[in-house]
Amino acid sequence: MAEITVDEAVTRNCQALMTGNIAVIFADMTPEAMAKLATLGGGQLGGGAMMAGGMPQLTSYDVISRAQDGDDHLYDVQFRGAQSFGVKARWRELAGQWKLVDFDGYVVT
């Protein structure tokens, strides 16, 4: 069983993205999710926000929705800043840790 809740893991990950803490962002991701990030235009999250080669400058984030799909927890999070974007993320507990297993970015207007 994970030491923290899925909500705490999502909050930690969002705060890491806000502050540019790449080590935490990547530690929260499965290898498959990292590979997906790498194939999306060199790390493009959505709305043009880039991870590789430069972190997006963000000012805030909001969890828009939460849902559960079997063992997976689905989060829709919108980030605001110089380039606003949203991420629909799928989290799963693996080996006692919450991991981001899949995601889809989208443009926030």
C-alpha atoms as a PDB file:
ATOM      1  CA  MET A   1       0.000   0.000   0.000  1.00  0.00           C
ATOM      2  CA  ALA A   2       1.272   3.463  -0.912  1.00  0.00           C
ATOM      3  CA  GLU A   3       2.544   5.718   1.873  1.00  0.00           C
ATOM      4  CA  ILE A   4       0.648   8.685   0.429  1.00  0.00           C
ATOM      5  CA  THR A   5      -2.774   9.017  -1.185  1.00  0.00           C
ATOM      6  CA  VAL A   6      -3.263   9.432  -4.905  1.00  0.00           C
ATOM      7  CA  ASP A   7      -4.433  13.018  -4.256  1.00  0.00           C
ATOM      8  CA  GLU A   8      -1.155  13.723  -2.447  1.00  0.00           C
ATOM      9  CA  ALA A   9       0.835  12.189  -5.316  1.00  0.00           C
ATOM     10  CA  VAL A  10      -1.011  14.309  -7.890  1.00  0.00           C
ATOM     11  CA  THR A  11      -0.494  17.460  -5.790  1.00  0.00           C
ATOM     12  CA  ARG A  12       3.226  16.684  -5.419  1.00  0.00           C
ATOM     13  CA  ASN A  13       3.523  16.164  -9.172  1.00  0.00           C
ATOM     14  CA  CYS A  14       1.647  19.376 -10.011  1.00  0.00           C
ATOM     15  CA  GLN A  15       3.791  21.379  -7.598  1.00  0.00           C
ATOM     16  CA  ALA A  16       6.911  19.832  -9.129  1.00  0.00           C
ATOM     17  CA  LEU A  17       5.760  20.962 -12.562  1.00  0.00           C
ATOM     18  CA  MET A  18       5.063  24.454 -11.194  1.00  0.00           C
ATOM     19  CA  THR A  19       8.583  24.735  -9.730  1.00  0.00           C
ATOM     20  CA  GLY A  20      10.437  22.914 -12.510  1.00  0.00           C
ATOM     21  CA  ASN A  21      11.471  19.951 -10.347  1.00  0.00           C
ATOM     22  CA  ILE A  22      12.094  17.523 -13.191  1.00  0.00           C
ATOM     23  CA  ALA A  23      13.451  14.809 -10.865  1.00  0.00           C
ATOM     24  CA  VAL A  24      10.099  14.527  -9.050  1.00  0.00           C
ATOM     25  CA  ILE A  25       8.108  14.755 -12.284  1.00  0.00           C
ATOM     26  CA  PHE A  26      10.030  11.876 -13.828  1.00  0.00           C
ATOM     27  CA  ALA A  27      10.092   9.821 -10.605  1.00  0.00           C
ATOM     28  CA  ASP A  28       6.279   9.902 -10.612  1.00  0.00           C
ATOM     29  CA  MET A  29       6.062   8.551 -14.172  1.00  0.00           C
ATOM     30  CA  THR A  30       6.221   5.005 -15.471  1.00  0.00           C
ATOM     31  CA  PRO A  31       8.766   4.303 -18.233  1.00  0.00           C
ATOM     32  CA  GLU A  32       5.866   4.106 -20.714  1.00  0.00           C
ATOM     33  CA  ALA A  33       4.601   7.571 -19.731  1.00  0.00           C
ATOM     34  CA  MET A  34       8.141   8.978 -19.987  1.00  0.00           C
ATOM     35  CA  ALA A  35       8.498   7.444 -23.449  1.00  0.00           C
ATOM     36  CA  LYS A  36       5.198   9.014 -24.501  1.00  0.00           C
ATOM     37  CA  LEU A  37       6.378  12.408 -23.248  1.00  0.00           C
ATOM     38  CA  ALA A  38       9.618  12.040 -25.203  1.00  0.00           C
ATOM     39  CA  THR A  39       7.767  11.232 -28.441  1.00  0.00           C
ATOM     40  CA  LEU A  40       5.438  14.242 -28.198  1.00  0.00           C
ATOM     41  CA  GLY A  41       7.480  16.863 -29.992  1.00  0.00           C
ATOM     42  CA  GLY A  42      10.449  16.579 -27.671  1.00  0.00           C
ATOM     43  CA  GLY A  43       8.324  16.799 -24.559  1.00  0.00           C
ATOM     44  CA  GLN A  44       5.318  18.867 -25.611  1.00  0.00           C
ATOM     45  CA  LEU A  45       2.593  18.575 -22.959  1.00  0.00           C
ATOM     46  CA  GLY A  46      -0.235  20.391 -24.623  1.00  0.00           C
ATOM     47  CA  GLY A  47      -0.943  23.855 -25.870  1.00  0.00           C
ATOM     48  CA  GLY A  48       2.707  24.203 -26.840  1.00  0.00           C
ATOM     49  CA  ALA A  49       4.049  23.836 -23.287  1.00  0.00           C
ATOM     50  CA  MET A  50       7.428  22.151 -23.383  1.00  0.00           C
ATOM     51  CA  MET A  51       9.188  19.960 -20.846  1.00  0.00           C
ATOM     52  CA  ALA A  52      12.373  19.096 -22.699  1.00  0.00           C
ATOM     53  CA  GLY A  53      14.556  22.061 -23.491  1.00  0.00           C
ATOM     54  CA  GLY A  54      12.696  24.335 -21.113  1.00  0.00           C
ATOM     55  CA  MET A  55      10.042  24.159 -18.463  1.00  0.00           C
ATOM     56  CA  PRO A  56       6.799  26.061 -18.999  1.00  0.00           C
ATOM     57  CA  GLN A  57       6.463  29.153 -16.803  1.00  0.00           C
ATOM     58  CA  LEU A  58       3.358  28.423 -14.751  1.00  0.00           C
ATOM     59  CA  THR A  59       1.484  30.530 -12.219  1.00  0.00           C
ATOM     60  CA  SER A  60      -1.253  28.178 -10.991  1.00  0.00           C
ATOM     61  CA  TYR A  61      -3.068  24.906 -11.506  1.00  0.00           C
ATOM     62  CA  ASP A  62      -6.558  23.562 -10.828  1.00  0.00           C
ATOM     63  CA  VAL A  63      -7.778  20.006 -10.550  1.00  0.00           C
ATOM     64  CA  ILE A  64     -10.839  20.137 -12.799  1.00  0.00           C
ATOM     65  CA  SER A  65     -12.088  16.606 -12.175  1.00  0.00           C
ATOM     66  CA  ARG A  66     -11.300  13.276 -10.541  1.00  0.00           C
ATOM     67  CA  ALA A  67     -12.744   9.885 -11.378  1.00  0.00           C
ATOM     68  CA  GLN A  68     -11.940   6.235 -10.897  1.00  0.00           C
ATOM     69  CA  ASP A  69     -11.746   3.579 -13.615  1.00  0.00           C
ATOM     70  CA  GLY A  70     -11.135   0.223 -11.931  1.00  0.00           C
ATOM     71  CA  ASP A  71      -7.778   0.518 -10.146  1.00  0.00           C
ATOM     72  CA  ASP A  72      -6.877   3.671 -12.077  1.00  0.00           C
ATOM     73  CA  HIS A  73      -7.517   7.218 -10.919  1.00  0.00           C
ATOM     74  CA  LEU A  74      -8.214   9.789 -13.619  1.00  0.00           C
ATOM     75  CA  TYR A  75      -7.346  13.446 -13.093  1.00  0.00           C
ATOM     76  CA  ASP A  76      -7.977  16.420 -15.341  1.00  0.00           C
ATOM     77  CA  VAL A  77      -5.608  19.233 -14.322  1.00  0.00           C
ATOM     78  CA  GLN A  78      -5.316  22.645 -15.950  1.00  0.00           C
ATOM     79  CA  PHE A  79      -2.119  24.664 -15.642  1.00  0.00           C
ATOM     80  CA  ARG A  80      -2.064  28.432 -16.165  1.00  0.00           C
ATOM     81  CA  GLY A  81       0.866  30.574 -17.145  1.00  0.00           C
ATOM     82  CA  ALA A  82       2.675  31.970 -20.149  1.00  0.00           C
ATOM     83  CA  GLN A  83       1.386  28.905 -22.009  1.00  0.00           C
ATOM     84  CA  SER A  84      -1.744  27.420 -20.409  1.00  0.00           C
ATOM     85  CA  PHE A  85      -2.542  23.762 -20.981  1.00  0.00           C
ATOM     86  CA  GLY A  86      -4.439  20.856 -19.509  1.00  0.00           C
ATOM     87  CA  VAL A  87      -3.475  17.272 -18.817  1.00  0.00           C
ATOM     88  CA  LYS A  88      -5.816  14.310 -18.513  1.00  0.00           C
ATOM     89  CA  ALA A  89      -3.756  11.897 -16.438  1.00  0.00           C
ATOM     90  CA  ARG A  90      -4.172   8.257 -15.448  1.00  0.00           C
ATOM     91  CA  TRP A  91      -2.582   7.297 -12.096  1.00  0.00           C
ATOM     92  CA  ARG A  92      -2.145   3.760 -10.776  1.00  0.00           C
ATOM     93  CA  GLU A  93      -0.600   2.292  -7.640  1.00  0.00           C
ATOM     94  CA  LEU A  94       2.379   0.156  -8.652  1.00  0.00           C
ATOM     95  CA  ALA A  95       4.679  -1.551  -6.141  1.00  0.00           C
ATOM     96  CA  GLY A  96       3.397   0.673  -3.334  1.00  0.00           C
ATOM     97  CA  GLN A  97       3.798   3.967  -5.214  1.00  0.00           C
ATOM     98  CA  TRP A  98       1.371   6.119  -7.190  1.00  0.00           C
ATOM     99  CA  LYS A  99       2.599   6.460 -10.752  1.00  0.00           C
ATOM    100  CA  LEU A 100       1.451   8.490 -13.731  1.00  0.00           C
ATOM    101  CA  VAL A 101       0.885   5.718 -16.263  1.00  0.00           C
ATOM    102  CA  ASP A 102      -0.651   7.684 -19.151  1.00  0.00           C
ATOM    103  CA  PHE A 103      -1.680  11.216 -20.057  1.00  0.00           C
ATOM    104  CA  ASP A 104      -3.085  13.372 -22.807  1.00  0.00           C
ATOM    105  CA  GLY A 105      -2.405  17.083 -23.041  1.00  0.00           C
ATOM    106  CA  TYR A 106      -4.840  19.636 -24.431  1.00  0.00           C
ATOM    107  CA  VAL A 107      -5.029  23.354 -25.113  1.00  0.00           C
ATOM    108  CA  VAL A 108      -6.651  25.600 -22.488  1.00  0.00           C
ATOM    109  CA  THR A 109      -8.118  28.826 -23.797  1.00  0.00           C
END
